[in-house]
Each structure stands twice: as C-alpha cells, then as structure tokens.
Amino acid sequence: MQRLLRQSPRHHSQRRRVIVHALNEQVQQYSLLIANKQADLEASQAEEQRLNTQYKTRIRSMEETGSISYWAILFGANSFSDLLDKIDVIQEIAKADQLMMDKMKAVSEQIAAERAELEQQMAELDATRQELDQQEQDLEAQRAEQDTLLTEMLAAYEEMNADYMQNMADEAALS
C-alpha cells in the first residue's frame, strides 16, 4: 500500500508533464495555422485591392468617356448588322462588369470566411494556452506537495532511525 502511495504522486506528475508537453505542441501547431491563415488573408486582401483598383479604373474610364447609355449606342446603329454588333459589344461589356462584380463579391466573402476562421483559431489558441497555464500551475502545486511529503517522510525516517538506534543502545546496555 505504501509503495502504491509513493508511486502515485510520481505517476501523476509524469502524466501532467506529458499533458503539458502535448499542450505545448498544440500551441505551436495553432501558431503555425494562424500564421498560414494570416498569409492567406493578406493574399485575399491584396486580390481584393487589385480588383477594387481595376473596378475604379473601369468606372473612371466610363466617366471620362461621358455618360452614354446603352440605348443611345443602340439607336446610333447605321444598319441591322451594326445594331447586332453593338448588342454583342454591350453584352460583352455587361458580362465583363458582372464577372468583375462576382469576383469582388467572392473575394469579399473569402476574406470574411478567412477572418472568421482566423478568429476561431486564435480563440482556440487562447483556450489551449489557458489550459496549459492551468496544467503548469497544477504541476507546480503537485511538486510542492511532493516536496512537503518528502520532507515529512525524511523527518519521520530520521525519528524512527533515532528511536531504533536508541533501542539498540538500550538493548546493548541490558545485555
């Protein structure tokens, strides 16, 4: 029974060290994930900036050429084939504008998703760090308890040893 009691604190201490080590590894992995996600977010933000610049250039170009409506372009056709060509051009412009808007929306949604994932990973990292701190505090408390127990056991041993030596001396004196 005493042997089990002596092994138990050591076993708990070793188990806590394993947990602390695992939590440290988990913190490192979260840090790597966060760094990668931060890089992804920055790349998406750069793409968003590029698309915004491209869109602004398109808008500026439209303003410089004047506010010509699609109807004015269509009514300016000289022939039926010219009208069909102008319709094709207008459709291509509209498709390009819609594609640019779709890209901008997709990048914006991607940025929002990456930010949410980054925030979640940072929250998980904080939780893991808190758990790590708690485990380290528990381990330190356990070490202090073991030191106290060891000191008490050593004092009890010395007292028993002194009693034994006294008994041996008393027995030798009686012989």
Protein backbone atom coordinates (compact mmCIF):
# COMPACT_ATOMS: atom_id res chain seq x y z
CA MET A 1 0.00 0.00 0.00
CA GLN A 2 2.78 2.43 0.94
CA ARG A 3 4.57 1.52 -2.24
CA LEU A 4 1.47 2.49 -4.26
CA LEU A 5 1.21 5.77 -2.39
CA ARG A 6 4.84 6.55 -3.18
CA GLN A 7 4.37 5.78 -6.88
CA SER A 8 1.07 7.59 -7.25
CA PRO A 9 2.36 11.21 -6.97
CA ARG A 10 5.22 10.40 -9.34
CA HIS A 11 2.77 8.86 -11.79
CA HIS A 12 0.51 11.92 -11.60
CA SER A 13 3.45 14.24 -12.02
CA GLN A 14 4.68 12.34 -15.05
CA ARG A 15 1.17 12.32 -16.52
CA ARG A 16 0.92 16.09 -16.04
CA ARG A 17 4.29 16.58 -17.74
CA VAL A 18 3.01 14.60 -20.73
CA ILE A 19 -0.12 16.76 -20.82
CA VAL A 20 1.96 19.95 -20.60
CA HIS A 21 4.20 18.72 -23.42
CA ALA A 22 1.17 17.88 -25.58
CA LEU A 23 -0.38 21.28 -24.90
CA ASN A 24 2.89 23.00 -25.83
CA GLU A 25 2.89 21.12 -29.13
CA GLN A 26 -0.73 22.09 -29.68
CA VAL A 27 0.12 25.76 -29.06
CA GLN A 28 2.92 25.54 -31.64
CA GLN A 29 0.58 23.97 -34.20
CA TYR A 30 -2.07 26.62 -33.61
CA SER A 31 0.60 29.29 -34.04
CA LEU A 32 1.58 27.77 -37.40
CA LEU A 33 -2.04 27.53 -38.52
CA ILE A 34 -2.63 31.12 -37.55
CA ALA A 35 0.47 32.29 -39.42
CA ASN A 36 -0.67 30.39 -42.54
CA LYS A 37 -4.21 31.72 -42.26
CA GLN A 38 -2.85 35.25 -41.78
CA ALA A 39 -0.83 34.85 -45.01
CA ASP A 40 -3.94 33.60 -46.84
CA LEU A 41 -5.92 36.55 -45.53
CA GLU A 42 -3.26 39.01 -46.65
CA ALA A 43 -3.21 37.44 -50.14
CA SER A 44 -7.00 37.69 -50.36
CA GLN A 45 -6.88 41.31 -49.23
CA ALA A 46 -4.27 42.04 -51.90
CA GLU A 47 -6.54 40.42 -54.53
CA GLU A 48 -9.47 42.49 -53.27
CA GLN A 49 -7.35 45.63 -53.54
CA ARG A 50 -6.33 44.70 -57.09
CA LEU A 51 -9.96 44.12 -58.11
CA ASN A 52 -11.06 47.38 -56.48
CA THR A 53 -8.37 49.26 -58.37
CA GLN A 54 -9.41 47.59 -61.60
CA TYR A 55 -13.04 48.42 -60.96
CA LYS A 56 -12.25 52.05 -60.12
CA THR A 57 -10.25 52.31 -63.34
CA ARG A 58 -13.27 50.99 -65.25
CA ILE A 59 -15.58 53.48 -63.55
CA ARG A 60 -13.15 56.34 -64.17
CA SER A 61 -12.93 55.34 -67.84
CA MET A 62 -16.73 55.37 -68.09
CA GLU A 63 -16.86 58.84 -66.53
CA GLU A 64 -14.20 60.20 -68.89
CA THR A 65 -16.00 58.96 -71.99
CA GLY A 66 -19.24 60.52 -70.80
CA SER A 67 -22.49 59.03 -69.70
CA ILE A 68 -23.60 57.35 -72.89
CA SER A 69 -26.48 55.00 -72.29
CA TYR A 70 -26.81 51.62 -73.90
CA TRP A 71 -29.93 52.89 -75.66
CA ALA A 72 -28.00 55.75 -77.25
CA ILE A 73 -25.44 53.29 -78.56
CA LEU A 74 -28.13 51.02 -79.98
CA PHE A 75 -30.07 53.86 -81.62
CA GLY A 76 -26.81 55.09 -83.17
CA ALA A 77 -26.53 51.95 -85.27
CA ASN A 78 -26.30 52.56 -89.03
CA SER A 79 -27.60 49.18 -90.12
CA PHE A 80 -29.09 46.00 -88.76
CA SER A 81 -25.69 44.24 -88.72
CA ASP A 82 -24.20 47.29 -86.95
CA LEU A 83 -27.03 47.01 -84.40
CA LEU A 84 -26.25 43.33 -83.83
CA ASP A 85 -22.53 44.15 -83.41
CA LYS A 86 -23.36 46.88 -80.88
CA ILE A 87 -25.64 44.48 -78.98
CA ASP A 88 -22.80 41.93 -78.84
CA VAL A 89 -20.38 44.59 -77.58
CA ILE A 90 -22.85 45.76 -74.93
CA GLN A 91 -23.42 42.16 -73.82
CA GLU A 92 -19.67 41.56 -73.58
CA ILE A 93 -19.21 44.74 -71.54
CA ALA A 94 -22.10 43.75 -69.27
CA LYS A 95 -20.67 40.22 -68.84
CA ALA A 96 -17.23 41.63 -68.03
CA ASP A 97 -18.75 44.05 -65.50
CA GLN A 98 -20.83 41.27 -63.95
CA LEU A 99 -17.81 38.95 -63.82
CA MET A 100 -15.78 41.65 -62.07
CA MET A 101 -18.60 42.22 -59.56
CA ASP A 102 -18.89 38.46 -58.96
CA LYS A 103 -15.12 38.21 -58.38
CA MET A 104 -15.20 41.15 -55.97
CA LYS A 105 -18.10 39.56 -54.07
CA ALA A 106 -16.36 36.17 -53.94
CA VAL A 107 -13.11 37.69 -52.67
CA SER A 108 -15.02 39.71 -50.08
CA GLU A 109 -16.80 36.56 -48.86
CA GLN A 110 -13.50 34.68 -48.81
CA ILE A 111 -11.93 37.41 -46.69
CA ALA A 112 -14.86 37.27 -44.26
CA ALA A 113 -14.55 33.47 -44.01
CA GLU A 114 -10.78 33.63 -43.53
CA ARG A 115 -11.17 36.29 -40.82
CA ALA A 116 -13.76 34.16 -39.03
CA GLU A 117 -11.53 31.09 -39.23
CA LEU A 118 -8.54 33.10 -38.04
CA GLU A 119 -10.52 34.43 -35.09
CA GLN A 120 -11.67 30.89 -34.24
CA GLN A 121 -8.11 29.57 -34.37
CA MET A 122 -6.92 32.45 -32.19
CA ALA A 123 -9.68 31.69 -29.67
CA GLU A 124 -8.68 28.01 -29.65
CA LEU A 125 -5.05 29.04 -29.16
CA ASP A 126 -6.03 31.22 -26.21
CA ALA A 127 -8.06 28.38 -24.68
CA THR A 128 -5.14 25.98 -25.14
CA ARG A 129 -2.75 28.47 -23.57
CA GLN A 130 -5.08 28.88 -20.60
CA GLU A 131 -5.29 25.12 -20.20
CA LEU A 132 -1.50 24.92 -20.45
CA ASP A 133 -1.11 27.58 -17.77
CA GLN A 134 -3.53 25.70 -15.51
CA GLN A 135 -1.71 22.41 -16.04
CA GLU A 136 1.64 24.07 -15.27
CA GLN A 137 0.19 25.57 -12.09
CA ASP A 138 -1.22 22.20 -11.08
CA LEU A 139 2.12 20.55 -11.80
CA GLU A 140 3.94 23.14 -9.69
CA ALA A 141 1.45 22.66 -6.83
CA GLN A 142 1.93 18.92 -7.09
CA ARG A 143 5.71 19.36 -6.95
CA ALA A 144 5.38 21.50 -3.85
CA GLU A 145 3.11 18.87 -2.27
CA GLN A 146 5.62 16.15 -3.13
CA ASP A 147 8.46 18.18 -1.65
CA THR A 148 6.47 18.66 1.57
CA LEU A 149 5.61 14.97 1.70
CA LEU A 150 9.23 14.02 1.07
CA THR A 151 10.40 16.35 3.84
CA GLU A 152 7.84 14.87 6.24
CA MET A 153 8.85 11.33 5.29
CA LEU A 154 12.52 12.15 5.75
CA ALA A 155 11.81 13.63 9.21
CA ALA A 156 9.76 10.54 10.14
CA TYR A 157 12.58 8.29 8.91
CA GLU A 158 15.15 10.18 10.95
CA GLU A 159 12.93 9.98 14.02
CA MET A 160 12.38 6.24 13.54
CA ASN A 161 16.10 5.76 12.92
CA ALA A 162 16.90 7.66 16.11
CA ASP A 163 14.37 5.53 18.02
CA TYR A 164 15.90 2.40 16.53
CA MET A 165 19.39 3.48 17.47
CA GLN A 166 18.18 4.29 20.99
CA ASN A 167 16.51 0.88 21.25
CA MET A 168 19.70 -0.78 20.03
CA ALA A 169 21.73 1.13 22.60
CA ASP A 170 19.26 0.26 25.36
CA GLU A 171 19.32 -3.39 24.31
CA ALA A 172 23.14 -3.39 24.27
CA ALA A 173 23.17 -1.82 27.74
CA LEU A 174 20.85 -4.51 29.04
CA SER A 175 22.96 -7.36 27.67
